[in-house]
Amino acid sequence: MVVCPHGSEPKAGTPVYFQVDVAQMASFLPAGLSWALPFLAYLPPITFDTVAFCALDPPEIPTIDAFDVASLITGGRIGAALTAAQKFTQLIQAYAWYSLCTCMVDSTPAAPTAPTAPTDLPELNPPLIVSNPPVAACGDYLSGSTLITTDAVHRYYLIPTSTATVPAAAPRPISRPVPAGATNYSATFANTGTGSPAISATIQLVWQNSAFSPLRFDGPPALAKGASATITGTVPTGATNFYVDVGLSSAAGTATTLTAEVQLFCGSLPGQVQSSCCPPDPILTARLNSILEMVTLIQRQAAPFSYINGASHSGLSGQGHIDVQGLIGVSVNLTTTPGRIGSVDGDPDTLFDVGWINLGTGDGSGRRLFVSSDPWVYFPNSAALITRVGYTFQPDVVATITELIREPS
């Protein structure tokens, strides 16, 4: 559809050359294309030459389906991923035209209605299925199950675990160091003992300073048999060490089993989840896409998966040459072949005395390549250098030479 019958041009003040990176592409898109926004991060920056761009009508709105989107975000087959990227780029350019360009004589129409989201649009990290993992503790201390026997003159420690009774008057236990940067903690205690009588346990998280003097005592109410509790809080300022000790309610000789786990967190709170990674770096994205384009070009030229037909040169007979560029090969089809031409049956038949071609440049040509079948193709290793295809056919032979070129990049 013609948008500007009498021509179009850049709007006043629009730069002639500029580039738009991933972070700013969305500024061209209408609200109806919000479904496309999560996928823009997979595109290379878009460069505009507004004089050339605005001299033409806006690009057509491409049809984008779920396969295109999946190919874009997964990389898919290289060809499919590049096609998808081209479609998204064309979509942005189609709407950018209305921001950058204006009709020279006619009134500039409004941008077209945004296409709806494709059916079965891929989702990126759907929240009902995936979530960020919890923040990992920078210190995790687990006591294991420790059997405690009540004794009037002894104390017991879960962290570090005491395997033997320690006299109450003995020196402090060997405590655990607090990791550098620890700011918060979560501690879980459990009284998992069975049997009778029911023994309750008082468990305390004891914080120490560098002189090993107590700074604070944190703990839940006394835990009855079968009970557990989790406490959270901040690590006291100046705390360098900690330990967990136990007191029991029953008389001497009774026992219960206790466990303790203390997790220390550096700069985060217990239960928080890890935040998403940093947004894409547009400079890094541009460089990676530049590398991808160069590697793709090398692959297309040096190790192509396939080829497409380029220009065809028909009605060739006798001697002459054609100028070419960007070949990966040539094919020859014979449109007139006299009965005198010799042949040997095979698959394909081998032909004799048809003629030959020479591939080269303006500086010279390579060896003769005899056309020995119909059709006949040739893919030289140095095809990218070829700028000239010379041909020599017998006067009664008419042929068509077709340029074989790489897939679109």
Protein backbone atom coordinates (compact mmCIF):
# COMPACT_ATOMS: atom_id res chain seq x y z
CA MET A 1 0.00 0.00 0.00
CA VAL A 2 1.32 3.44 -0.96
CA VAL A 3 1.55 5.66 2.13
CA CYS A 4 2.89 8.83 0.54
CA PRO A 5 1.87 9.07 -3.17
CA HIS A 6 4.03 12.18 -3.65
CA GLY A 7 7.09 11.05 -1.75
CA SER A 8 8.35 11.17 1.81
CA GLU A 9 11.33 12.52 3.74
CA PRO A 10 12.80 12.59 7.26
CA LYS A 11 11.04 14.75 9.82
CA ALA A 12 12.76 17.99 10.72
CA GLY A 13 15.54 17.45 13.26
CA THR A 14 15.90 13.73 12.58
CA PRO A 15 19.59 12.71 12.42
CA VAL A 16 20.76 11.37 9.10
CA TYR A 17 22.62 8.44 10.65
CA PHE A 18 21.99 6.92 14.07
CA GLN A 19 21.79 3.58 15.84
CA VAL A 20 19.18 2.27 18.28
CA ASP A 21 20.22 -0.39 20.76
CA VAL A 22 18.10 -3.04 22.42
CA ALA A 23 17.17 -0.91 25.43
CA GLN A 24 15.54 1.78 23.25
CA MET A 25 13.86 -0.24 20.48
CA ALA A 26 10.61 -0.41 22.41
CA SER A 27 10.20 3.37 22.09
CA PHE A 28 9.09 2.89 18.47
CA LEU A 29 6.47 0.24 19.19
CA PRO A 30 2.80 0.85 20.05
CA ALA A 31 1.19 -0.52 23.19
CA GLY A 32 -0.37 -3.33 21.19
CA LEU A 33 3.06 -4.85 20.65
CA SER A 34 3.82 -5.33 24.34
CA TRP A 35 3.95 -9.09 23.62
CA ALA A 36 7.08 -8.50 21.52
CA LEU A 37 9.03 -6.50 24.13
CA PRO A 38 10.59 -9.47 26.03
CA PHE A 39 12.16 -10.72 22.80
CA LEU A 40 13.87 -7.50 21.70
CA ALA A 41 16.91 -8.37 23.83
CA TYR A 42 17.81 -11.03 21.24
CA LEU A 43 18.15 -8.49 18.41
CA PRO A 44 21.26 -6.65 17.23
CA PRO A 45 21.23 -2.83 17.26
CA ILE A 46 19.43 -1.24 14.31
CA THR A 47 21.21 1.38 12.22
CA PHE A 48 19.22 4.01 10.32
CA ASP A 49 20.15 6.05 7.25
CA THR A 50 17.05 8.24 7.44
CA VAL A 51 17.51 9.87 4.04
CA ALA A 52 17.38 6.50 2.30
CA PHE A 53 14.97 4.99 4.81
CA CYS A 54 12.40 7.80 4.60
CA ALA A 55 12.61 8.08 0.80
CA LEU A 56 10.60 4.87 0.63
CA ASP A 57 7.27 3.87 2.11
CA PRO A 58 7.46 2.05 5.45
CA PRO A 59 8.32 -1.65 5.36
CA GLU A 60 5.43 -4.09 5.37
CA ILE A 61 4.35 -5.45 8.75
CA PRO A 62 5.84 -8.97 8.75
CA THR A 63 3.93 -12.04 9.83
CA ILE A 64 5.60 -13.42 12.95
CA ASP A 65 4.57 -16.82 14.30
CA ALA A 66 5.52 -18.86 17.35
CA PHE A 67 8.24 -20.71 15.41
CA ASP A 68 9.91 -17.39 14.57
CA VAL A 69 9.91 -16.37 18.22
CA ALA A 70 11.20 -19.75 19.39
CA SER A 71 13.96 -19.64 16.75
CA LEU A 72 14.95 -16.16 17.88
CA ILE A 73 15.25 -16.91 21.58
CA THR A 74 16.81 -20.37 21.29
CA GLY A 75 19.13 -19.67 18.37
CA GLY A 76 17.55 -22.64 16.58
CA ARG A 77 18.99 -23.35 13.21
CA ILE A 78 21.13 -20.41 12.17
CA GLY A 79 19.01 -19.69 9.11
CA ALA A 80 15.74 -19.75 11.07
CA ALA A 81 17.17 -17.56 13.84
CA LEU A 82 18.44 -14.98 11.35
CA THR A 83 15.12 -14.96 9.50
CA ALA A 84 13.31 -14.39 12.81
CA ALA A 85 15.69 -11.56 13.73
CA GLN A 86 15.09 -9.97 10.33
CA LYS A 87 11.32 -10.15 10.86
CA PHE A 88 11.52 -8.48 14.27
CA THR A 89 13.86 -5.82 12.88
CA GLN A 90 11.44 -5.18 10.02
CA LEU A 91 8.59 -4.91 12.52
CA ILE A 92 10.47 -2.21 14.44
CA GLN A 93 11.44 -0.40 11.26
CA ALA A 94 7.81 -0.44 10.06
CA TYR A 95 6.68 1.50 13.13
CA ALA A 96 9.87 3.58 13.42
CA TRP A 97 9.04 5.01 9.98
CA TYR A 98 6.07 6.89 11.43
CA SER A 99 8.30 8.39 14.14
CA LEU A 100 11.12 9.39 11.80
CA CYS A 101 9.47 10.16 8.45
CA THR A 102 6.72 12.33 7.00
CA CYS A 103 4.94 12.67 3.66
CA MET A 104 6.25 15.57 1.58
CA VAL A 105 2.84 16.67 0.21
CA ASP A 106 0.14 14.39 1.58
CA SER A 107 -0.92 14.06 5.19
CA THR A 108 1.05 11.34 6.93
CA PRO A 109 -1.36 8.60 8.02
CA ALA A 110 -1.32 7.00 11.44
CA ALA A 111 0.74 3.88 11.99
CA PRO A 112 -1.13 0.64 11.30
CA THR A 113 -2.79 -1.38 14.03
CA ALA A 114 -0.36 -3.61 15.86
CA PRO A 115 -0.54 -7.33 15.00
CA THR A 116 -1.79 -9.58 17.76
CA ALA A 117 0.48 -11.99 19.56
CA PRO A 118 1.08 -15.30 17.77
CA THR A 119 -0.73 -18.38 19.00
CA ASP A 120 1.38 -20.49 21.39
CA LEU A 121 3.80 -17.61 21.96
CA PRO A 122 6.82 -18.93 23.90
CA GLU A 123 7.03 -17.71 27.49
CA LEU A 124 10.23 -16.55 29.11
CA ASN A 125 10.61 -17.97 32.63
CA PRO A 126 6.86 -18.37 33.33
CA PRO A 127 6.38 -17.52 37.03
CA LEU A 128 3.98 -20.42 37.62
CA ILE A 129 6.67 -22.89 36.55
CA VAL A 130 10.04 -21.41 37.44
CA SER A 131 11.34 -19.00 40.04
CA ASN A 132 14.66 -17.66 41.20
CA PRO A 133 16.45 -19.92 43.70
CA PRO A 134 16.69 -18.84 47.34
CA VAL A 135 19.68 -16.82 48.43
CA ALA A 136 22.43 -19.15 49.59
CA ALA A 137 23.81 -18.79 53.10
CA CYS A 138 27.43 -17.71 53.41
CA GLY A 139 27.76 -20.02 56.41
CA ASP A 140 25.74 -23.15 57.28
CA TYR A 141 26.34 -25.05 60.52
CA LEU A 142 24.44 -28.26 61.32
CA SER A 143 24.79 -30.11 64.58
CA GLY A 144 23.31 -33.44 63.62
CA SER A 145 21.32 -35.33 66.25
CA THR A 146 22.88 -35.10 69.68
CA LEU A 147 21.73 -37.15 72.65
CA ILE A 148 21.70 -34.98 75.75
CA THR A 149 21.61 -36.41 79.29
CA THR A 150 20.49 -34.11 82.07
CA ASP A 151 23.22 -33.50 84.60
CA ALA A 152 23.24 -30.89 87.32
CA VAL A 153 26.93 -30.08 87.02
CA HIS A 154 27.53 -30.30 83.24
CA ARG A 155 26.66 -28.24 80.12
CA TYR A 156 26.16 -29.41 76.56
CA TYR A 157 26.83 -27.66 73.27
CA LEU A 158 25.20 -28.37 69.92
CA ILE A 159 27.46 -26.14 67.86
CA PRO A 160 30.19 -27.14 68.14
CA THR A 161 28.79 -30.58 68.99
CA SER A 162 29.94 -31.94 72.33
CA THR A 163 30.33 -35.69 72.37
CA ALA A 164 31.18 -35.66 76.03
CA THR A 165 29.87 -33.65 78.96
CA VAL A 166 31.66 -30.41 79.71
CA PRO A 167 31.78 -29.24 83.33
CA ALA A 168 29.75 -26.08 83.88
CA ALA A 169 32.80 -24.41 85.38
CA ALA A 170 35.03 -25.37 82.48
CA PRO A 171 36.33 -22.75 80.04
CA ARG A 172 34.05 -21.58 77.22
CA PRO A 173 33.55 -24.03 74.29
CA ILE A 174 35.48 -23.73 71.08
CA SER A 175 33.08 -21.50 69.16
CA ARG A 176 32.57 -21.11 65.42
CA PRO A 177 33.82 -17.98 63.59
CA VAL A 178 31.27 -15.65 62.03
CA PRO A 179 31.96 -15.33 58.26
CA ALA A 180 33.13 -11.90 57.16
CA GLY A 181 30.20 -9.85 55.90
CA ALA A 182 27.50 -11.86 57.72
CA THR A 183 24.57 -9.56 58.56
CA ASN A 184 21.60 -11.85 59.25
CA TYR A 185 20.91 -15.32 60.55
CA SER A 186 18.32 -18.07 60.62
CA ALA A 187 18.50 -20.75 63.30
CA THR A 188 16.33 -23.87 63.56
CA PHE A 189 16.21 -25.97 66.73
CA ALA A 190 14.34 -29.23 67.33
CA ASN A 191 13.67 -31.43 70.35
CA THR A 192 13.14 -34.78 68.67
CA GLY A 193 13.46 -37.00 71.71
CA THR A 194 10.98 -39.77 72.49
CA GLY A 195 10.12 -41.58 75.63
CA SER A 196 9.15 -40.49 79.08
CA PRO A 197 9.30 -38.25 80.96
CA ALA A 198 8.67 -35.37 78.55
CA ILE A 199 11.84 -33.28 78.67
CA SER A 200 11.83 -29.68 77.51
CA ALA A 201 15.01 -28.03 76.30
CA THR A 202 16.22 -24.44 76.41
CA ILE A 203 18.53 -23.73 73.49
CA GLN A 204 20.48 -20.52 73.07
CA LEU A 205 22.50 -19.02 70.21
CA VAL A 206 25.34 -17.23 71.96
CA TRP A 207 27.21 -14.45 70.11
CA GLN A 208 30.75 -13.53 71.16
CA ASN A 209 33.11 -10.66 70.46
CA SER A 210 36.81 -10.96 69.59
CA ALA A 211 37.61 -11.43 73.28
CA PHE A 212 35.12 -14.34 73.38
CA SER A 213 32.85 -12.45 75.75
CA PRO A 214 29.10 -12.92 75.21
CA LEU A 215 27.40 -10.12 73.26
CA ARG A 216 23.85 -11.49 73.03
CA PHE A 217 21.78 -14.59 73.66
CA ASP A 218 19.13 -15.48 71.06
CA GLY A 219 16.78 -18.41 71.37
CA PRO A 220 13.17 -19.60 71.29
CA PRO A 221 11.08 -20.47 74.34
CA ALA A 222 11.77 -23.84 75.87
CA LEU A 223 11.07 -26.61 73.36
CA ALA A 224 8.84 -29.44 74.52
CA LYS A 225 9.44 -32.98 73.34
CA GLY A 226 8.63 -33.17 69.61
CA ALA A 227 8.68 -29.39 69.12
CA SER A 228 10.83 -27.28 66.80
CA ALA A 229 11.33 -23.55 66.25
CA THR A 230 13.05 -21.24 63.79
CA ILE A 231 14.30 -17.80 64.76
CA THR A 232 15.74 -15.10 62.52
CA GLY A 233 17.51 -11.85 63.26
CA THR A 234 20.55 -9.72 62.69
CA VAL A 235 24.10 -10.60 63.61
CA PRO A 236 25.17 -8.34 66.50
CA THR A 237 27.66 -5.62 65.65
CA GLY A 238 31.12 -6.78 66.66
CA ALA A 239 30.22 -10.48 66.71
CA THR A 240 33.18 -12.62 65.64
CA ASN A 241 32.16 -16.05 66.99
CA PHE A 242 29.08 -17.98 68.11
CA TYR A 243 28.02 -21.25 69.68
CA VAL A 244 24.77 -23.00 70.67
CA ASP A 245 24.28 -24.34 74.18
CA VAL A 246 21.53 -26.36 75.88
CA GLY A 247 19.76 -26.54 79.21
CA LEU A 248 17.24 -29.28 80.14
CA SER A 249 14.29 -29.19 82.50
CA SER A 250 14.36 -32.68 84.01
CA ALA A 251 16.26 -34.23 86.79
CA ALA A 252 19.64 -35.82 86.39
CA GLY A 253 19.77 -39.01 84.39
CA THR A 254 17.01 -38.36 81.84
CA ALA A 255 17.82 -37.73 78.16
CA THR A 256 16.47 -36.31 74.89
CA THR A 257 17.74 -35.80 71.32
CA LEU A 258 18.30 -32.28 69.97
CA THR A 259 19.35 -30.81 66.62
CA ALA A 260 20.38 -27.34 65.59
CA GLU A 261 21.16 -25.59 62.32
CA VAL A 262 22.47 -22.04 62.09
CA GLN A 263 22.63 -20.29 58.70
CA LEU A 264 24.39 -16.96 58.31
CA PHE A 265 23.61 -14.64 55.38
CA CYS A 266 25.87 -11.98 53.94
CA GLY A 267 24.04 -8.86 52.76
CA SER A 268 20.68 -10.59 52.34
CA LEU A 269 17.80 -11.83 54.46
CA PRO A 270 16.82 -15.46 55.11
CA GLY A 271 14.11 -16.56 52.69
CA GLN A 272 14.97 -14.01 50.01
CA VAL A 273 15.39 -15.25 46.45
CA GLN A 274 18.24 -14.39 44.17
CA SER A 275 17.56 -11.40 41.99
CA SER A 276 17.62 -11.76 38.22
CA CYS A 277 20.87 -11.15 36.45
CA CYS A 278 21.79 -7.76 35.15
CA PRO A 279 20.01 -6.53 31.99
CA PRO A 280 21.72 -6.99 28.62
CA ASP A 281 24.74 -4.80 27.97
CA PRO A 282 23.96 -3.08 24.63
CA ILE A 283 27.66 -2.62 23.77
CA LEU A 284 28.43 -6.28 24.47
CA THR A 285 25.29 -7.32 22.59
CA ALA A 286 26.33 -5.23 19.59
CA ARG A 287 29.81 -6.74 19.54
CA LEU A 288 28.50 -10.28 19.89
CA ASN A 289 26.06 -9.69 17.06
CA SER A 290 28.87 -8.25 14.96
CA ILE A 291 30.89 -11.41 15.59
CA LEU A 292 27.84 -13.54 14.76
CA GLU A 293 27.36 -11.69 11.48
CA MET A 294 31.01 -12.17 10.53
CA VAL A 295 31.02 -15.85 11.50
CA THR A 296 27.75 -16.37 9.62
CA LEU A 297 29.23 -14.72 6.54
CA ILE A 298 32.30 -16.94 6.76
CA GLN A 299 30.10 -20.02 7.13
CA ARG A 300 27.87 -18.98 4.24
CA GLN A 301 30.85 -18.41 1.97
CA ALA A 302 33.38 -21.04 3.07
CA ALA A 303 31.21 -23.88 4.38
CA PRO A 304 27.72 -23.31 2.99
CA PHE A 305 24.83 -25.56 3.96
CA SER A 306 23.22 -24.83 0.59
CA TYR A 307 23.08 -22.20 -2.13
CA ILE A 308 20.59 -20.21 -4.14
CA ASN A 309 20.54 -19.27 -7.81
CA GLY A 310 21.77 -15.82 -8.67
CA ALA A 311 21.79 -14.12 -12.04
CA SER A 312 21.43 -16.29 -15.14
CA HIS A 313 23.27 -15.50 -18.37
CA SER A 314 21.54 -17.22 -21.30
CA GLY A 315 22.23 -17.57 -25.02
CA LEU A 316 25.98 -17.97 -24.59
CA SER A 317 27.96 -19.43 -27.47
CA GLY A 318 31.50 -19.05 -28.74
CA GLN A 319 33.86 -17.06 -26.51
CA GLY A 320 33.31 -14.36 -23.93
CA HIS A 321 33.17 -13.62 -20.23
CA ILE A 322 30.76 -12.36 -17.54
CA ASP A 323 31.57 -10.22 -14.51
CA VAL A 324 30.49 -11.67 -11.18
CA GLN A 325 30.85 -11.06 -7.47
CA GLY A 326 30.14 -13.04 -4.29
CA LEU A 327 29.94 -16.46 -5.92
CA ILE A 328 30.23 -19.81 -4.24
CA GLY A 329 29.95 -21.64 -7.58
CA VAL A 330 28.59 -21.69 -11.13
CA SER A 331 26.27 -23.97 -13.06
CA VAL A 332 26.03 -24.53 -16.80
CA ASN A 333 22.90 -25.71 -18.60
CA LEU A 334 23.06 -26.59 -22.29
CA THR A 335 20.10 -25.27 -24.25
CA THR A 336 21.40 -26.37 -27.68
CA THR A 337 23.54 -29.49 -28.11
CA PRO A 338 24.39 -30.81 -31.59
CA GLY A 339 24.20 -34.50 -32.33
CA ARG A 340 27.91 -34.68 -33.03
CA ILE A 341 28.81 -34.31 -29.33
CA GLY A 342 30.31 -37.50 -27.99
CA SER A 343 29.07 -39.03 -24.75
CA VAL A 344 29.53 -41.99 -22.44
CA ASP A 345 26.48 -43.40 -20.68
CA GLY A 346 26.44 -42.95 -16.94
CA ASP A 347 24.77 -41.01 -14.18
CA PRO A 348 25.13 -38.39 -15.45
CA ASP A 349 26.20 -39.01 -19.05
CA THR A 350 29.72 -37.73 -19.69
CA LEU A 351 29.88 -35.27 -22.60
CA PHE A 352 32.84 -34.43 -24.83
CA ASP A 353 33.74 -31.41 -26.93
CA VAL A 354 31.12 -29.04 -25.44
CA GLY A 355 33.47 -26.34 -24.26
CA TRP A 356 34.97 -25.02 -21.02
CA ILE A 357 34.99 -22.16 -18.55
CA ASN A 358 37.84 -20.37 -16.80
CA LEU A 359 37.34 -18.74 -13.40
CA GLY A 360 39.50 -15.82 -12.40
CA THR A 361 39.80 -12.09 -11.80
CA GLY A 362 40.87 -9.06 -13.80
CA ASP A 363 44.46 -10.15 -13.10
CA GLY A 364 44.11 -13.51 -14.83
CA SER A 365 42.27 -16.80 -15.06
CA GLY A 366 42.70 -20.30 -13.71
CA ARG A 367 42.83 -23.60 -15.50
CA ARG A 368 40.22 -24.72 -18.01
CA LEU A 369 37.22 -26.52 -16.51
CA PHE A 370 35.58 -28.69 -19.15
CA VAL A 371 31.81 -28.85 -19.17
CA SER A 372 31.31 -32.61 -19.03
CA SER A 373 27.62 -33.03 -18.16
CA ASP A 374 24.29 -31.29 -18.54
CA PRO A 375 23.66 -29.63 -16.16
CA TRP A 376 27.17 -29.06 -14.80
CA VAL A 377 28.14 -27.36 -11.51
CA TYR A 378 31.42 -26.35 -9.93
CA PHE A 379 32.24 -24.99 -6.46
CA PRO A 380 35.82 -23.69 -6.21
CA ASN A 381 37.46 -23.26 -2.80
CA SER A 382 38.42 -19.66 -3.59
CA ALA A 383 34.98 -18.70 -4.97
CA ALA A 384 34.86 -15.45 -2.97
CA LEU A 385 37.79 -14.09 -5.01
CA ILE A 386 36.25 -14.76 -8.41
CA THR A 387 35.12 -11.68 -10.33
CA ARG A 388 35.24 -13.05 -13.87
CA VAL A 389 33.84 -16.18 -15.54
CA GLY A 390 35.29 -16.79 -18.99
CA TYR A 391 33.60 -19.27 -21.29
CA THR A 392 34.48 -21.01 -24.53
CA PHE A 393 31.74 -23.07 -26.22
CA GLN A 394 31.71 -24.66 -29.63
CA PRO A 395 29.88 -22.49 -32.19
CA ASP A 396 26.97 -24.96 -32.41
CA VAL A 397 26.54 -25.12 -28.60
CA VAL A 398 24.32 -22.65 -26.73
CA ALA A 399 24.49 -22.56 -22.94
CA THR A 400 23.22 -20.71 -19.88
CA ILE A 401 25.61 -19.91 -17.03
CA THR A 402 23.95 -19.32 -13.65
CA GLU A 403 25.72 -17.71 -10.73
CA LEU A 404 25.38 -19.77 -7.55
CA ILE A 405 25.49 -17.57 -4.47
CA ARG A 406 25.41 -18.06 -0.74
CA GLU A 407 22.26 -18.15 1.33
CA PRO A 408 21.10 -14.74 2.53
CA SER A 409 22.87 -13.61 5.67
